[in-house]
């Protein structure tokens, strides 16, 4: 059998043009309140009818109500 050799992680070459060298941007979560107007990429325009802390919101889209967990990138507060 052959002998396996391992390359140390410290010997990797770091490229200055790597997209992973970007500074981290802090994402600020939106604060929702009952009766806020929102738009959702899939469901359209709606109004908040319930807020469950920072975990979920209930939105009335006219034809139906939908519970949406937070954070949700497809939903924007108007």
PDB file of N, CA and C in Angstrom:
ATOM      1  N   UNK A   1       0.839  -1.183   0.000  1.00  0.00           N
ATOM      2  CA  UNK A   1       0.000   0.000   0.000  1.00  0.00           C
ATOM      3  C   UNK A   1       0.885   1.248   0.000  1.00  0.00           C
ATOM      4  N   UNK A   2       0.334   2.309  -0.577  1.00  0.00           N
ATOM      5  CA  UNK A   2       1.064   3.558  -0.649  1.00  0.00           C
ATOM      6  C   UNK A   2       0.885   4.399   0.610  1.00  0.00           C
ATOM      7  N   UNK A   3       1.773   5.324   0.799  1.00  0.00           N
ATOM      8  CA  UNK A   3       1.717   6.220   1.943  1.00  0.00           C
ATOM      9  C   UNK A   3       0.979   7.485   1.538  1.00  0.00           C
ATOM     10  N   UNK A   4      -0.016   7.897   2.349  1.00  0.00           N
ATOM     11  CA  UNK A   4      -0.759   9.115   2.052  1.00  0.00           C
ATOM     12  C   UNK A   4      -0.087  10.291   2.739  1.00  0.00           C
ATOM     13  N   UNK A   5       0.063  11.373   2.029  1.00  0.00           N
ATOM     14  CA  UNK A   5       0.610  12.587   2.618  1.00  0.00           C
ATOM     15  C   UNK A   5      -0.479  13.646   2.648  1.00  0.00           C
ATOM     16  N   UNK A   6      -0.468  14.447   3.667  1.00  0.00           N
ATOM     17  CA  UNK A   6      -1.473  15.501   3.830  1.00  0.00           C
ATOM     18  C   UNK A   6      -0.799  16.857   3.731  1.00  0.00           C
ATOM     19  N   UNK A   7      -1.491  17.753   3.101  1.00  0.00           N
ATOM     20  CA  UNK A   7      -0.998  19.118   2.957  1.00  0.00           C
ATOM     21  C   UNK A   7      -1.566  19.950   4.090  1.00  0.00           C
ATOM     22  N   UNK A   8      -0.735  20.677   4.777  1.00  0.00           N
ATOM     23  CA  UNK A   8      -1.177  21.501   5.903  1.00  0.00           C
ATOM     24  C   UNK A   8      -2.066  22.635   5.398  1.00  0.00           C
ATOM     25  N   UNK A   9      -3.093  22.962   6.178  1.00  0.00           N
ATOM     26  CA  UNK A   9      -4.016  24.022   5.790  1.00  0.00           C
ATOM     27  C   UNK A   9      -3.329  25.379   5.738  1.00  0.00           C
ATOM     28  N   UNK A  10      -2.286  25.568   6.499  1.00  0.00           N
ATOM     29  CA  UNK A  10      -1.577  26.845   6.538  1.00  0.00           C
ATOM     30  C   UNK A  10      -0.781  27.125   5.284  1.00  0.00           C
ATOM     31  N   UNK A  11      -0.597  26.137   4.432  1.00  0.00           N
ATOM     32  CA  UNK A  11       0.220  26.342   3.240  1.00  0.00           C
ATOM     33  C   UNK A  11      -0.593  26.765   2.024  1.00  0.00           C
ATOM     34  N   UNK A  12      -1.880  27.059   2.206  1.00  0.00           N
ATOM     35  CA  UNK A  12      -2.709  27.497   1.084  1.00  0.00           C
ATOM     36  C   UNK A  12      -2.336  28.909   0.660  1.00  0.00           C
ATOM     37  N   UNK A  13      -2.472  29.159  -0.605  1.00  0.00           N
ATOM     38  CA  UNK A  13      -2.149  30.474  -1.146  1.00  0.00           C
ATOM     39  C   UNK A  13      -3.375  31.378  -1.042  1.00  0.00           C
ATOM     40  N   UNK A  14      -3.253  32.553  -0.494  1.00  0.00           N
ATOM     41  CA  UNK A  14      -4.352  33.499  -0.353  1.00  0.00           C
ATOM     42  C   UNK A  14      -4.278  34.528  -1.470  1.00  0.00           C
ATOM     43  N   UNK A  15      -5.366  34.650  -2.195  1.00  0.00           N
ATOM     44  CA  UNK A  15      -5.414  35.579  -3.320  1.00  0.00           C
ATOM     45  C   UNK A  15      -6.075  36.879  -2.892  1.00  0.00           C
ATOM     46  N   UNK A  16      -5.485  37.991  -3.241  1.00  0.00           N
ATOM     47  CA  UNK A  16      -6.048  39.283  -2.865  1.00  0.00           C
ATOM     48  C   UNK A  16      -7.350  39.576  -3.613  1.00  0.00           C
ATOM     49  N   UNK A  17      -7.569  38.950  -4.761  1.00  0.00           N
ATOM     50  CA  UNK A  17      -8.779  39.197  -5.538  1.00  0.00           C
ATOM     51  C   UNK A  17      -9.916  38.242  -5.186  1.00  0.00           C
ATOM     52  N   UNK A  18      -9.748  37.417  -4.165  1.00  0.00           N
ATOM     53  CA  UNK A  18     -10.777  36.456  -3.778  1.00  0.00           C
ATOM     54  C   UNK A  18     -12.034  37.169  -3.285  1.00  0.00           C
ATOM     55  N   UNK A  19     -13.228  36.698  -3.666  1.00  0.00           N
ATOM     56  CA  UNK A  19     -14.462  37.317  -3.178  1.00  0.00           C
ATOM     57  C   UNK A  19     -14.678  37.090  -1.682  1.00  0.00           C
ATOM     58  N   UNK A  20     -13.931  36.164  -1.097  1.00  0.00           N
ATOM     59  CA  UNK A  20     -14.068  35.881   0.324  1.00  0.00           C
ATOM     60  C   UNK A  20     -13.277  36.862   1.184  1.00  0.00           C
ATOM     61  N   UNK A  21     -12.486  37.732   0.570  1.00  0.00           N
ATOM     62  CA  UNK A  21     -11.720  38.731   1.305  1.00  0.00           C
ATOM     63  C   UNK A  21     -12.513  40.010   1.546  1.00  0.00           C
ATOM     64  N   UNK A  22     -13.769  40.038   1.133  1.00  0.00           N
ATOM     65  CA  UNK A  22     -14.611  41.213   1.307  1.00  0.00           C
ATOM     66  C   UNK A  22     -14.911  41.437   2.779  1.00  0.00           C
ATOM     67  N   UNK A  23     -15.074  42.688   3.164  1.00  0.00           N
ATOM     68  CA  UNK A  23     -15.458  42.989   4.537  1.00  0.00           C
ATOM     69  C   UNK A  23     -16.882  42.517   4.765  1.00  0.00           C
ATOM     70  N   UNK A  24     -17.147  42.041   5.967  1.00  0.00           N
ATOM     71  CA  UNK A  24     -18.484  41.575   6.292  1.00  0.00           C
ATOM     72  C   UNK A  24     -19.401  42.768   6.500  1.00  0.00           C
ATOM     73  N   UNK A  25     -20.602  42.647   5.947  1.00  0.00           N
ATOM     74  CA  UNK A  25     -21.611  43.687   6.084  1.00  0.00           C
ATOM     75  C   UNK A  25     -22.650  43.180   7.069  1.00  0.00           C
ATOM     76  N   UNK A  26     -22.923  43.956   8.093  1.00  0.00           N
ATOM     77  CA  UNK A  26     -23.907  43.552   9.084  1.00  0.00           C
ATOM     78  C   UNK A  26     -25.308  43.754   8.526  1.00  0.00           C
ATOM     79  N   UNK A  27     -26.104  42.708   8.591  1.00  0.00           N
ATOM     80  CA  UNK A  27     -27.473  42.767   8.090  1.00  0.00           C
ATOM     81  C   UNK A  27     -28.382  43.186   9.232  1.00  0.00           C
ATOM     82  N   UNK A  28     -29.139  44.240   9.014  1.00  0.00           N
ATOM     83  CA  UNK A  28     -30.055  44.739  10.033  1.00  0.00           C
ATOM     84  C   UNK A  28     -31.448  44.198   9.722  1.00  0.00           C
ATOM     85  N   UNK A  29     -32.010  43.483  10.683  1.00  0.00           N
ATOM     86  CA  UNK A  29     -33.338  42.915  10.492  1.00  0.00           C
ATOM     87  C   UNK A  29     -34.388  44.019  10.591  1.00  0.00           C
ATOM     88  N   UNK A  30     -35.396  43.938   9.729  1.00  0.00           N
ATOM     89  CA  UNK A  30     -36.474  44.922   9.774  1.00  0.00           C
ATOM     90  C   UNK A  30     -37.373  44.642  10.970  1.00  0.00           C
ATOM     91  N   UNK A  31     -37.905  45.707  11.542  1.00  0.00           N
ATOM     92  CA  UNK A  31     -38.843  45.589  12.659  1.00  0.00           C
ATOM     93  C   UNK A  31     -40.239  45.772  12.094  1.00  0.00           C
ATOM     94  N   UNK A  32     -41.101  44.784  12.328  1.00  0.00           N
ATOM     95  CA  UNK A  32     -42.456  44.818  11.794  1.00  0.00           C
ATOM     96  C   UNK A  32     -43.459  45.081  12.902  1.00  0.00           C
ATOM     97  N   UNK A  33     -44.519  45.806  12.556  1.00  0.00           N
ATOM     98  CA  UNK A  33     -45.615  46.086  13.472  1.00  0.00           C
ATOM     99  C   UNK A  33     -46.928  45.776  12.762  1.00  0.00           C
ATOM    100  N   UNK A  34     -47.970  45.481  13.546  1.00  0.00           N
ATOM    101  CA  UNK A  34     -49.285  45.199  12.979  1.00  0.00           C
ATOM    102  C   UNK A  34     -49.744  46.396  12.156  1.00  0.00           C
ATOM    103  N   UNK A  35     -50.325  46.146  11.032  1.00  0.00           N
ATOM    104  CA  UNK A  35     -50.852  47.088  10.037  1.00  0.00           C
ATOM    105  C   UNK A  35     -49.772  47.676   9.130  1.00  0.00           C
ATOM    106  N   UNK A  36     -48.526  47.211   9.223  1.00  0.00           N
ATOM    107  CA  UNK A  36     -47.503  47.632   8.260  1.00  0.00           C
ATOM    108  C   UNK A  36     -47.837  47.061   6.895  1.00  0.00           C
ATOM    109  N   UNK A  37     -47.556  47.824   5.840  1.00  0.00           N
ATOM    110  CA  UNK A  37     -47.739  47.359   4.471  1.00  0.00           C
ATOM    111  C   UNK A  37     -46.433  46.722   4.017  1.00  0.00           C
ATOM    112  N   UNK A  38     -46.533  45.579   3.334  1.00  0.00           N
ATOM    113  CA  UNK A  38     -45.360  44.869   2.837  1.00  0.00           C
ATOM    114  C   UNK A  38     -45.620  44.399   1.413  1.00  0.00           C
ATOM    115  N   UNK A  39     -44.552  44.078   0.714  1.00  0.00           N
ATOM    116  CA  UNK A  39     -44.651  43.443  -0.585  1.00  0.00           C
ATOM    117  C   UNK A  39     -43.811  42.171  -0.540  1.00  0.00           C
ATOM    118  N   UNK A  40     -44.334  41.123  -1.143  1.00  0.00           N
ATOM    119  CA  UNK A  40     -43.654  39.832  -1.159  1.00  0.00           C
ATOM    120  C   UNK A  40     -43.464  39.428  -2.619  1.00  0.00           C
ATOM    121  N   UNK A  41     -42.294  38.873  -2.953  1.00  0.00           N
ATOM    122  CA  UNK A  41     -42.001  38.518  -4.341  1.00  0.00           C
ATOM    123  C   UNK A  41     -42.985  37.508  -4.911  1.00  0.00           C
ATOM    124  N   UNK A  42     -43.502  36.612  -4.093  1.00  0.00           N
ATOM    125  CA  UNK A  42     -44.407  35.576  -4.585  1.00  0.00           C
ATOM    126  C   UNK A  42     -45.882  35.924  -4.389  1.00  0.00           C
ATOM    127  N   UNK A  43     -46.231  36.528  -3.231  1.00  0.00           N
ATOM    128  CA  UNK A  43     -47.626  36.753  -2.883  1.00  0.00           C
ATOM    129  C   UNK A  43     -48.136  38.149  -3.205  1.00  0.00           C
ATOM    130  N   UNK A  44     -47.259  39.121  -3.442  1.00  0.00           N
ATOM    131  CA  UNK A  44     -47.673  40.477  -3.793  1.00  0.00           C
ATOM    132  C   UNK A  44     -47.805  41.392  -2.590  1.00  0.00           C
ATOM    133  N   UNK A  45     -48.722  42.368  -2.683  1.00  0.00           N
ATOM    134  CA  UNK A  45     -48.921  43.356  -1.625  1.00  0.00           C
ATOM    135  C   UNK A  45     -49.751  42.778  -0.491  1.00  0.00           C
ATOM    136  N   UNK A  46     -49.398  43.182   0.741  1.00  0.00           N
ATOM    137  CA  UNK A  46     -50.164  42.699   1.881  1.00  0.00           C
ATOM    138  C   UNK A  46     -50.044  43.628   3.069  1.00  0.00           C
ATOM    139  N   UNK A  47     -50.820  43.321   4.111  1.00  0.00           N
ATOM    140  CA  UNK A  47     -50.811  44.098   5.346  1.00  0.00           C
ATOM    141  C   UNK A  47     -50.618  43.124   6.499  1.00  0.00           C
ATOM    142  N   UNK A  48     -49.725  43.470   7.440  1.00  0.00           N
ATOM    143  CA  UNK A  48     -49.469  42.612   8.591  1.00  0.00           C
ATOM    144  C   UNK A  48     -50.659  42.615   9.531  1.00  0.00           C
ATOM    145  N   UNK A  49     -51.104  41.421   9.905  1.00  0.00           N
ATOM    146  CA  UNK A  49     -52.209  41.285  10.845  1.00  0.00           C
ATOM    147  C   UNK A  49     -51.742  40.650  12.153  1.00  0.00           C
ATOM    148  N   UNK A  50     -50.495  40.180  12.193  1.00  0.00           N
ATOM    149  CA  UNK A  50     -49.971  39.595  13.416  1.00  0.00           C
ATOM    150  C   UNK A  50     -48.449  39.539  13.379  1.00  0.00           C
ATOM    151  N   UNK A  51     -47.837  39.740  14.547  1.00  0.00           N
ATOM    152  CA  UNK A  51     -46.384  39.680  14.669  1.00  0.00           C
ATOM    153  C   UNK A  51     -46.046  38.736  15.812  1.00  0.00           C
ATOM    154  N   UNK A  52     -45.175  37.762  15.554  1.00  0.00           N
ATOM    155  CA  UNK A  52     -44.740  36.810  16.558  1.00  0.00           C
ATOM    156  C   UNK A  52     -43.291  37.095  16.940  1.00  0.00           C
ATOM    157  N   UNK A  53     -43.073  38.224  17.588  1.00  0.00           N
ATOM    158  CA  UNK A  53     -41.715  38.604  17.991  1.00  0.00           C
ATOM    159  C   UNK A  53     -40.808  38.772  16.790  1.00  0.00           C
ATOM    160  N   UNK A  54     -39.606  38.167  16.869  1.00  0.00           N
ATOM    161  CA  UNK A  54     -38.650  38.239  15.762  1.00  0.00           C
ATOM    162  C   UNK A  54     -38.625  36.952  14.957  1.00  0.00           C
ATOM    163  N   UNK A  55     -39.638  36.077  15.144  1.00  0.00           N
ATOM    164  CA  UNK A  55     -39.611  34.784  14.471  1.00  0.00           C
ATOM    165  C   UNK A  55     -40.525  34.694  13.260  1.00  0.00           C
ATOM    166  N   UNK A  56     -41.699  35.325  13.301  1.00  0.00           N
ATOM    167  CA  UNK A  56     -42.629  35.206  12.175  1.00  0.00           C
ATOM    168  C   UNK A  56     -43.645  36.342  12.186  1.00  0.00           C
ATOM    169  N   UNK A  57     -44.289  36.534  11.034  1.00  0.00           N
ATOM    170  CA  UNK A  57     -45.381  37.502  10.900  1.00  0.00           C
ATOM    171  C   UNK A  57     -46.513  36.837  10.148  1.00  0.00           C
ATOM    172  N   UNK A  58     -47.735  37.311  10.357  1.00  0.00           N
ATOM    173  CA  UNK A  58     -48.901  36.843   9.604  1.00  0.00           C
ATOM    174  C   UNK A  58     -49.334  38.006   8.728  1.00  0.00           C
ATOM    175  N   UNK A  59     -49.430  37.727   7.418  1.00  0.00           N
ATOM    176  CA  UNK A  59     -49.717  38.774   6.443  1.00  0.00           C
ATOM    177  C   UNK A  59     -51.008  38.445   5.709  1.00  0.00           C
ATOM    178  N   UNK A  60     -51.881  39.452   5.582  1.00  0.00           N
ATOM    179  CA  UNK A  60     -53.116  39.323   4.816  1.00  0.00           C
ATOM    180  C   UNK A  60     -52.848  39.857   3.410  1.00  0.00           C
ATOM    181  N   UNK A  61     -52.896  38.954   2.429  1.00  0.00           N
ATOM    182  CA  UNK A  61     -52.650  39.340   1.042  1.00  0.00           C
ATOM    183  C   UNK A  61     -53.938  39.555   0.263  1.00  0.00           C
ATOM    184  N   UNK A  62     -55.068  39.654   0.972  1.00  0.00           N
ATOM    185  CA  UNK A  62     -56.355  39.878   0.310  1.00  0.00           C
ATOM    186  C   UNK A  62     -57.072  38.576   0.035  1.00  0.00           C
ATOM    187  N   UNK A  63     -56.498  37.719  -0.764  1.00  0.00           N
ATOM    188  CA  UNK A  63     -57.130  36.440  -1.088  1.00  0.00           C
ATOM    189  C   UNK A  63     -56.865  35.380  -0.021  1.00  0.00           C
ATOM    190  N   UNK A  64     -55.794  35.550   0.739  1.00  0.00           N
ATOM    191  CA  UNK A  64     -55.464  34.591   1.793  1.00  0.00           C
ATOM    192  C   UNK A  64     -54.500  35.222   2.791  1.00  0.00           C
ATOM    193  N   UNK A  65     -54.363  34.575   3.948  1.00  0.00           N
ATOM    194  CA  UNK A  65     -53.374  34.991   4.940  1.00  0.00           C
ATOM    195  C   UNK A  65     -52.237  33.979   4.927  1.00  0.00           C
ATOM    196  N   UNK A  66     -51.029  34.479   5.140  1.00  0.00           N
ATOM    197  CA  UNK A  66     -49.849  33.624   5.088  1.00  0.00           C
ATOM    198  C   UNK A  66     -48.954  33.923   6.279  1.00  0.00           C
ATOM    199  N   UNK A  67     -48.482  32.859   6.955  1.00  0.00           N
ATOM    200  CA  UNK A  67     -47.492  33.020   8.026  1.00  0.00           C
ATOM    201  C   UNK A  67     -46.121  32.929   7.390  1.00  0.00           C
ATOM    202  N   UNK A  68     -45.293  33.945   7.614  1.00  0.00           N
ATOM    203  CA  UNK A  68     -43.972  34.020   7.001  1.00  0.00           C
ATOM    204  C   UNK A  68     -42.932  34.097   8.106  1.00  0.00           C
ATOM    205  N   UNK A  69     -41.966  33.178   8.067  1.00  0.00           N
ATOM    206  CA  UNK A  69     -40.904  33.184   9.067  1.00  0.00           C
ATOM    207  C   UNK A  69     -39.873  34.253   8.718  1.00  0.00           C
ATOM    208  N   UNK A  70     -39.269  34.796   9.755  1.00  0.00           N
ATOM    209  CA  UNK A  70     -38.281  35.858   9.587  1.00  0.00           C
ATOM    210  C   UNK A  70     -36.886  35.322   9.868  1.00  0.00           C
ATOM    211  N   UNK A  71     -35.867  35.869   9.245  1.00  0.00           N
ATOM    212  CA  UNK A  71     -35.890  36.916   8.224  1.00  0.00           C
ATOM    213  C   UNK A  71     -36.319  36.349   6.886  1.00  0.00           C
ATOM    214  N   UNK A  72     -36.935  37.195   6.082  1.00  0.00           N
ATOM    215  CA  UNK A  72     -37.428  36.780   4.767  1.00  0.00           C
ATOM    216  C   UNK A  72     -36.908  37.774   3.726  1.00  0.00           C
ATOM    217  N   UNK A  73     -36.020  37.297   2.860  1.00  0.00           N
ATOM    218  CA  UNK A  73     -35.439  38.177   1.841  1.00  0.00           C
ATOM    219  C   UNK A  73     -36.430  38.541   0.761  1.00  0.00           C
ATOM    220  N   UNK A  74     -37.503  37.735   0.584  1.00  0.00           N
ATOM    221  CA  UNK A  74     -38.478  38.025  -0.465  1.00  0.00           C
ATOM    222  C   UNK A  74     -39.508  39.059  -0.042  1.00  0.00           C
ATOM    223  N   UNK A  75     -39.509  39.462   1.228  1.00  0.00           N
ATOM    224  CA  UNK A  75     -40.513  40.410   1.711  1.00  0.00           C
ATOM    225  C   UNK A  75     -39.842  41.732   2.075  1.00  0.00           C
ATOM    226  N   UNK A  76     -40.483  42.820   1.661  1.00  0.00           N
ATOM    227  CA  UNK A  76     -39.940  44.149   1.915  1.00  0.00           C
ATOM    228  C   UNK A  76     -41.028  45.013   2.552  1.00  0.00           C
ATOM    229  N   UNK A  77     -40.637  45.746   3.571  1.00  0.00           N
ATOM    230  CA  UNK A  77     -41.553  46.665   4.236  1.00  0.00           C
ATOM    231  C   UNK A  77     -41.686  47.923   3.388  1.00  0.00           C
ATOM    232  N   UNK A  78     -42.924  48.386   3.203  1.00  0.00           N
ATOM    233  CA  UNK A  78     -43.168  49.605   2.402  1.00  0.00           C
ATOM    234  C   UNK A  78     -43.280  50.823   3.277  1.00  0.00           C
TER     235      UNK A  78
END
